[in-house]
């Protein structure tokens, strides 16, 4: 299937949401009830879920081999570890682990991928019953006390970190299943919107029928802890966003804004790295990672960063075919196959 530009635009929008959320976390911005806090709260756990679903769709649309997927996983793991030295909520090293899961189920049919996603969610539920979800966390400071010790690193990555494999890898498999569909047809686009909306609404009800605070948290739709209905809600909102963009893209494409949405989406890896090393680096140099910023201030800074990222990507693609890190990953992983 030819490249669907709407998916690149969706990837950029997911990136923007992640920038908002991550800048707030890094800057230690206090929770509030202002417009910016409400906006960022609504994106927390949703933007990153959309990002992972889109990665799965990319795999589903492509003819990538398991070997190449594993080499890309290794590349992402290394640069993710670099990111973690600055921002321990990095998702790239976890992307690498999702890709390992994806490589294992690459030959599966579309129903098999849906069942695989369900299986991951079930395993996550069982893990929460068997282990202490709070182990390693200092919830007052949102820091992970033994992150750089091997047991803590594995626990964080697989079970109770910001985006643990159990259950976040389910988003990748859901995306892979969606990628096996004819996404350029209105029928599939309408299904994504309707079924996604239904899933997101349905996910809201279980927390309403229980009274135990721990159950309310786990059966809710917040990303921490990532319970089964968070996965349902996150996948649902991702499907709605993707379906709407696919449906509206012919209209958007006729407007001048389209290249400024697709260009950054095609180098989201580079920009993700930049938002940590440069975006957060600037805040650190200015001494603004101390909780002194308000939510509206961090939202405006994030919006400026995203706008500059879009402009950079647009100008970059006037000279080059791929983003800097995307080109490096392609060269390293594809030259390694020999």
Protein backbone atom coordinates (compact mmCIF):
# COMPACT_ATOMS: atom_id res chain seq x y z
CA UNK A 1 0.00 0.00 0.00
CA UNK A 2 1.24 3.50 -0.78
CA UNK A 3 2.29 5.72 2.09
CA UNK A 4 -0.68 7.33 3.81
CA UNK A 5 0.22 10.94 4.58
CA UNK A 6 -2.54 11.15 7.17
CA UNK A 7 -0.61 8.69 9.33
CA UNK A 8 2.43 10.98 9.25
CA UNK A 9 0.21 13.85 10.37
CA UNK A 10 -1.23 11.68 13.14
CA UNK A 11 2.30 10.82 14.24
CA UNK A 12 3.16 14.51 14.51
CA UNK A 13 0.04 15.22 16.54
CA UNK A 14 0.94 12.34 18.86
CA UNK A 15 4.43 13.80 19.17
CA UNK A 16 3.00 17.20 20.12
CA UNK A 17 0.89 15.60 22.82
CA UNK A 18 3.90 13.74 24.19
CA UNK A 19 5.93 16.95 24.24
CA UNK A 20 3.25 18.65 26.33
CA UNK A 21 3.07 15.77 28.79
CA UNK A 22 6.82 15.18 29.03
CA UNK A 23 7.72 18.85 29.44
CA UNK A 24 5.26 19.09 32.31
CA UNK A 25 6.76 16.02 33.99
CA UNK A 26 10.35 17.20 33.49
CA UNK A 27 9.59 20.72 34.72
CA UNK A 28 7.81 19.45 37.82
CA UNK A 29 4.74 21.55 37.08
CA UNK A 30 2.16 21.28 39.84
CA UNK A 31 -1.32 19.92 38.98
CA UNK A 32 -4.01 22.53 38.49
CA UNK A 33 -7.47 23.25 37.15
CA UNK A 34 -6.49 25.79 34.48
CA UNK A 35 -7.00 25.18 30.76
CA UNK A 36 -3.45 23.95 30.21
CA UNK A 37 -3.60 21.42 33.05
CA UNK A 38 -6.90 20.07 31.74
CA UNK A 39 -5.46 19.81 28.23
CA UNK A 40 -2.30 18.03 29.34
CA UNK A 41 -4.25 15.73 31.67
CA UNK A 42 -6.44 14.70 28.73
CA UNK A 43 -3.35 13.87 26.65
CA UNK A 44 -1.46 11.95 29.33
CA UNK A 45 -1.28 8.32 28.31
CA UNK A 46 -3.29 9.00 25.14
CA UNK A 47 -0.67 10.71 22.97
CA UNK A 48 1.93 8.03 23.72
CA UNK A 49 -0.63 5.29 23.08
CA UNK A 50 -1.39 6.83 19.67
CA UNK A 51 2.35 6.94 18.98
CA UNK A 52 2.71 3.21 19.68
CA UNK A 53 -0.42 2.25 17.72
CA UNK A 54 0.94 4.19 14.74
CA UNK A 55 4.23 2.31 15.03
CA UNK A 56 2.26 -0.92 14.87
CA UNK A 57 0.33 0.29 11.83
CA UNK A 58 3.62 1.10 10.13
CA UNK A 59 4.80 -2.46 10.73
CA UNK A 60 1.46 -3.85 9.56
CA UNK A 61 1.57 -1.84 6.34
CA UNK A 62 5.16 -2.72 5.53
CA UNK A 63 6.84 -5.94 4.50
CA UNK A 64 9.55 -5.63 7.11
CA UNK A 65 11.31 -8.82 8.14
CA UNK A 66 11.63 -9.97 11.73
CA UNK A 67 15.40 -9.63 11.48
CA UNK A 68 15.25 -6.00 10.39
CA UNK A 69 12.67 -5.24 13.06
CA UNK A 70 14.97 -6.70 15.71
CA UNK A 71 17.93 -4.67 14.43
CA UNK A 72 15.83 -1.53 14.64
CA UNK A 73 14.84 -2.55 18.14
CA UNK A 74 18.51 -2.74 19.10
CA UNK A 75 19.13 0.72 17.62
CA UNK A 76 16.18 2.22 19.50
CA UNK A 77 17.25 0.56 22.73
CA UNK A 78 20.67 2.21 22.59
CA UNK A 79 19.42 5.72 21.87
CA UNK A 80 16.63 5.22 24.39
CA UNK A 81 19.22 4.52 27.08
CA UNK A 82 20.95 7.76 26.09
CA UNK A 83 17.65 9.59 26.52
CA UNK A 84 17.14 8.00 29.93
CA UNK A 85 20.22 9.74 31.28
CA UNK A 86 18.25 12.98 30.84
CA UNK A 87 14.62 11.87 31.16
CA UNK A 88 13.82 8.52 32.75
CA UNK A 89 10.29 8.46 31.27
CA UNK A 90 11.79 7.86 27.80
CA UNK A 91 9.74 5.54 25.62
CA UNK A 92 12.28 4.62 22.92
CA UNK A 93 14.03 1.87 24.88
CA UNK A 94 10.57 0.43 25.53
CA UNK A 95 9.70 0.76 21.85
CA UNK A 96 12.62 -1.58 21.34
CA UNK A 97 11.03 -4.16 23.62
CA UNK A 98 7.64 -3.74 21.93
CA UNK A 99 9.39 -4.39 18.62
CA UNK A 100 10.83 -7.63 20.00
CA UNK A 101 7.27 -8.70 20.82
CA UNK A 102 6.15 -7.52 17.38
CA UNK A 103 8.89 -9.53 15.67
CA UNK A 104 7.75 -12.65 17.52
CA UNK A 105 4.19 -12.34 16.21
CA UNK A 106 5.00 -10.86 12.79
CA UNK A 107 3.70 -13.89 10.82
CA UNK A 108 0.39 -13.88 12.74
CA UNK A 109 -2.93 -13.27 11.04
CA UNK A 110 -5.03 -10.23 11.85
CA UNK A 111 -7.23 -12.18 14.33
CA UNK A 112 -4.07 -13.64 15.82
CA UNK A 113 -2.72 -10.15 16.47
CA UNK A 114 -5.94 -9.12 18.22
CA UNK A 115 -5.74 -12.26 20.37
CA UNK A 116 -2.08 -11.52 21.07
CA UNK A 117 -2.98 -8.02 22.27
CA UNK A 118 -5.67 -9.49 24.52
CA UNK A 119 -3.17 -12.02 25.86
CA UNK A 120 -0.73 -9.26 26.78
CA UNK A 121 -3.46 -7.42 28.69
CA UNK A 122 -4.39 -10.62 30.55
CA UNK A 123 -0.74 -11.20 31.48
CA UNK A 124 -0.55 -7.62 32.77
CA UNK A 125 -3.61 -8.18 34.96
CA UNK A 126 -2.10 -11.38 36.37
CA UNK A 127 1.19 -9.60 37.02
CA UNK A 128 -0.64 -6.91 38.99
CA UNK A 129 -2.29 -9.59 41.09
CA UNK A 130 1.02 -11.33 41.75
CA UNK A 131 3.41 -8.40 42.31
CA UNK A 132 3.51 -5.03 44.07
CA UNK A 133 2.87 -2.34 41.46
CA UNK A 134 4.33 0.39 43.67
CA UNK A 135 7.69 -1.31 44.21
CA UNK A 136 10.54 1.01 43.27
CA UNK A 137 8.39 4.14 43.05
CA UNK A 138 8.57 7.26 45.17
CA UNK A 139 5.15 8.61 44.28
CA UNK A 140 5.79 11.96 45.95
CA UNK A 141 8.60 12.82 43.55
CA UNK A 142 7.64 10.47 40.69
CA UNK A 143 11.12 8.96 40.75
CA UNK A 144 12.09 5.31 40.45
CA UNK A 145 14.55 4.53 43.20
CA UNK A 146 16.41 1.55 41.70
CA UNK A 147 16.00 2.25 37.99
CA UNK A 148 19.69 1.72 37.20
CA UNK A 149 19.99 -1.56 39.06
CA UNK A 150 19.24 -4.57 36.86
CA UNK A 151 16.24 -5.87 38.88
CA UNK A 152 14.75 -2.38 39.04
CA UNK A 153 15.39 -1.70 35.35
CA UNK A 154 13.68 -4.94 34.32
CA UNK A 155 10.77 -4.36 36.70
CA UNK A 156 10.34 -0.83 35.38
CA UNK A 157 10.52 -1.89 31.73
CA UNK A 158 8.31 -4.94 31.95
CA UNK A 159 5.84 -4.25 34.73
CA UNK A 160 5.49 -0.89 36.45
CA UNK A 161 7.39 1.85 34.63
CA UNK A 162 5.90 4.74 32.68
CA UNK A 163 5.16 2.58 29.61
CA UNK A 164 5.81 -1.05 30.62
CA UNK A 165 5.76 -3.89 28.11
CA UNK A 166 2.88 -5.37 30.11
CA UNK A 167 0.47 -4.08 28.88
CA UNK A 168 1.78 -1.38 26.50
CA UNK A 169 2.99 -3.86 23.88
CA UNK A 170 -0.71 -4.53 23.27
CA UNK A 171 -0.93 -1.13 21.56
CA UNK A 172 1.72 -2.21 19.06
CA UNK A 173 -0.13 -5.43 18.23
CA UNK A 174 -3.40 -3.54 17.90
CA UNK A 175 -1.68 -1.19 15.46
CA UNK A 176 -0.24 -4.13 13.52
CA UNK A 177 -3.74 -5.61 13.23
CA UNK A 178 -5.17 -2.28 12.05
CA UNK A 179 -2.33 -1.98 9.54
CA UNK A 180 -3.52 -5.18 7.86
CA UNK A 181 -6.76 -3.36 6.91
CA UNK A 182 -7.49 -1.26 3.83
CA UNK A 183 -6.99 2.05 5.60
CA UNK A 184 -7.54 4.10 2.46
CA UNK A 185 -11.19 2.99 2.24
CA UNK A 186 -14.03 4.94 3.83
CA UNK A 187 -15.51 1.76 5.27
CA UNK A 188 -12.43 1.06 7.40
CA UNK A 189 -12.11 4.72 8.37
CA UNK A 190 -15.70 4.79 9.59
CA UNK A 191 -15.16 1.57 11.53
CA UNK A 192 -12.10 3.03 13.22
CA UNK A 193 -14.08 6.09 14.28
CA UNK A 194 -17.20 4.25 15.44
CA UNK A 195 -15.57 1.28 17.13
CA UNK A 196 -12.89 3.49 18.63
CA UNK A 197 -15.46 5.88 20.06
CA UNK A 198 -17.49 2.99 21.42
CA UNK A 199 -14.43 1.45 23.07
CA UNK A 200 -13.39 4.75 24.66
CA UNK A 201 -16.88 5.30 26.09
CA UNK A 202 -17.27 1.71 27.27
CA UNK A 203 -13.97 1.94 29.15
CA UNK A 204 -15.41 4.66 31.39
CA UNK A 205 -18.07 2.46 33.03
CA UNK A 206 -16.22 -0.24 35.06
CA UNK A 207 -14.70 2.29 37.48
CA UNK A 208 -18.20 3.59 38.20
CA UNK A 209 -19.49 0.31 39.62
CA UNK A 210 -16.81 -0.28 42.27
CA UNK A 211 -16.13 1.56 45.53
CA UNK A 212 -12.67 0.31 46.52
CA UNK A 213 -10.11 3.09 45.74
CA UNK A 214 -7.51 0.63 44.45
CA UNK A 215 -10.04 -1.01 42.15
CA UNK A 216 -11.27 2.36 40.94
CA UNK A 217 -7.68 3.25 40.01
CA UNK A 218 -6.98 -0.05 38.26
CA UNK A 219 -10.32 -0.22 36.45
CA UNK A 220 -10.05 3.42 35.43
CA UNK A 221 -8.68 4.95 32.27
CA UNK A 222 -5.57 6.64 33.67
CA UNK A 223 -2.23 5.42 32.39
CA UNK A 224 -0.85 4.81 35.88
CA UNK A 225 -1.58 2.08 36.73
CA UNK A 226 -2.27 0.88 33.17
CA UNK A 227 -5.27 -1.37 33.71
CA UNK A 228 -7.23 -3.21 31.01
CA UNK A 229 -9.71 -0.39 30.54
CA UNK A 230 -6.91 2.11 30.08
CA UNK A 231 -5.74 -0.02 27.15
CA UNK A 232 -9.30 -0.09 25.81
CA UNK A 233 -9.64 3.68 26.17
CA UNK A 234 -6.18 4.43 24.77
CA UNK A 235 -6.69 2.17 21.77
CA UNK A 236 -10.16 3.62 21.23
CA UNK A 237 -9.05 7.24 21.20
CA UNK A 238 -6.13 6.32 18.94
CA UNK A 239 -8.52 4.67 16.47
CA UNK A 240 -10.79 7.72 16.47
CA UNK A 241 -7.87 10.09 15.85
CA UNK A 242 -6.49 7.93 13.04
CA UNK A 243 -9.89 7.38 11.45
CA UNK A 244 -10.79 11.07 11.52
CA UNK A 245 -7.45 12.13 10.03
CA UNK A 246 -7.66 9.49 7.29
CA UNK A 247 -11.18 10.60 6.43
CA UNK A 248 -10.44 14.33 6.45
CA UNK A 249 -7.02 14.13 4.84
CA UNK A 250 -8.17 14.79 1.24
CA UNK A 251 -9.48 18.17 2.45
CA UNK A 252 -6.46 18.93 4.64
CA UNK A 253 -4.09 17.95 1.84
CA UNK A 254 -5.38 20.78 -0.32
CA UNK A 255 -4.31 23.34 2.26
CA UNK A 256 -0.85 24.75 2.76
CA UNK A 257 -0.64 23.41 6.30
CA UNK A 258 -0.42 19.77 5.16
CA UNK A 259 3.38 19.63 4.59
CA UNK A 260 3.94 21.13 8.04
CA UNK A 261 2.03 18.19 9.52
CA UNK A 262 3.50 15.38 7.44
CA UNK A 263 7.17 16.44 7.42
CA UNK A 264 7.65 16.27 11.21
CA UNK A 265 5.67 13.04 11.32
CA UNK A 266 8.23 11.48 9.00
CA UNK A 267 11.08 12.32 11.34
CA UNK A 268 9.36 11.78 14.66
CA UNK A 269 12.33 9.75 15.94
CA UNK A 270 14.70 12.68 15.43
CA UNK A 271 12.25 15.13 16.95
CA UNK A 272 11.49 12.88 19.91
CA UNK A 273 15.19 12.73 20.71
CA UNK A 274 15.43 16.50 20.22
CA UNK A 275 12.58 17.28 22.60
CA UNK A 276 14.53 15.57 25.37
CA UNK A 277 18.10 16.60 24.59
CA UNK A 278 17.32 20.10 23.28
CA UNK A 279 13.87 21.02 24.56
CA UNK A 280 14.46 19.85 28.11
CA UNK A 281 18.11 20.85 27.89
CA UNK A 282 17.15 24.48 27.30
CA UNK A 283 14.79 24.40 30.27
CA UNK A 284 17.56 22.96 32.42
CA UNK A 285 20.05 25.62 31.33
CA UNK A 286 17.49 28.29 32.21
CA UNK A 287 16.93 26.70 35.61
CA UNK A 288 13.27 26.01 34.85
CA UNK A 289 13.07 22.34 35.83
CA UNK A 290 12.45 23.27 39.46
CA UNK A 291 8.66 23.44 39.47
CA UNK A 292 8.56 27.22 39.06
CA UNK A 293 6.67 27.18 35.75
CA UNK A 294 2.90 27.12 35.54
CA UNK A 295 0.97 24.76 33.28
CA UNK A 296 0.07 27.53 30.77
CA UNK A 297 3.73 28.55 30.59
CA UNK A 298 4.96 25.02 29.92
CA UNK A 299 2.16 24.55 27.37
CA UNK A 300 3.24 27.67 25.49
CA UNK A 301 6.87 26.54 25.56
CA UNK A 302 5.82 23.12 24.25
CA UNK A 303 3.74 24.73 21.49
CA UNK A 304 6.72 26.85 20.45
CA UNK A 305 8.98 23.80 20.41
CA UNK A 306 6.49 21.86 18.27
CA UNK A 307 6.11 24.76 15.83
CA UNK A 308 9.89 25.05 15.45
CA UNK A 309 10.12 21.28 15.05
CA UNK A 310 7.58 21.41 12.24
CA UNK A 311 9.46 24.21 10.49
CA UNK A 312 12.78 22.39 10.87
CA UNK A 313 11.35 19.18 9.43
CA UNK A 314 9.72 21.04 6.53
CA UNK A 315 13.00 22.73 5.61
CA UNK A 316 15.01 19.54 6.14
CA UNK A 317 12.91 17.60 3.64
CA UNK A 318 13.56 20.20 0.98
CA UNK A 319 17.14 18.90 0.91
CA UNK A 320 17.02 15.35 2.27
CA UNK A 321 14.81 12.30 1.93
CA UNK A 322 14.88 11.23 5.58
CA UNK A 323 15.33 12.77 8.99
CA UNK A 324 18.82 12.64 10.56
CA UNK A 325 18.18 9.81 13.01
CA UNK A 326 15.87 8.01 10.59
CA UNK A 327 18.65 7.99 7.99
CA UNK A 328 21.18 6.81 10.57
CA UNK A 329 18.90 4.01 11.75
CA UNK A 330 18.31 2.88 8.19
CA UNK A 331 22.02 2.89 7.41
CA UNK A 332 23.01 1.06 10.60
CA UNK A 333 20.25 -1.54 10.63
CA UNK A 334 20.13 -2.29 6.91
CA UNK A 335 23.90 -2.41 6.44
CA UNK A 336 24.10 -4.81 9.39
CA UNK A 337 22.02 -7.47 7.64
CA UNK A 338 24.99 -8.61 5.67
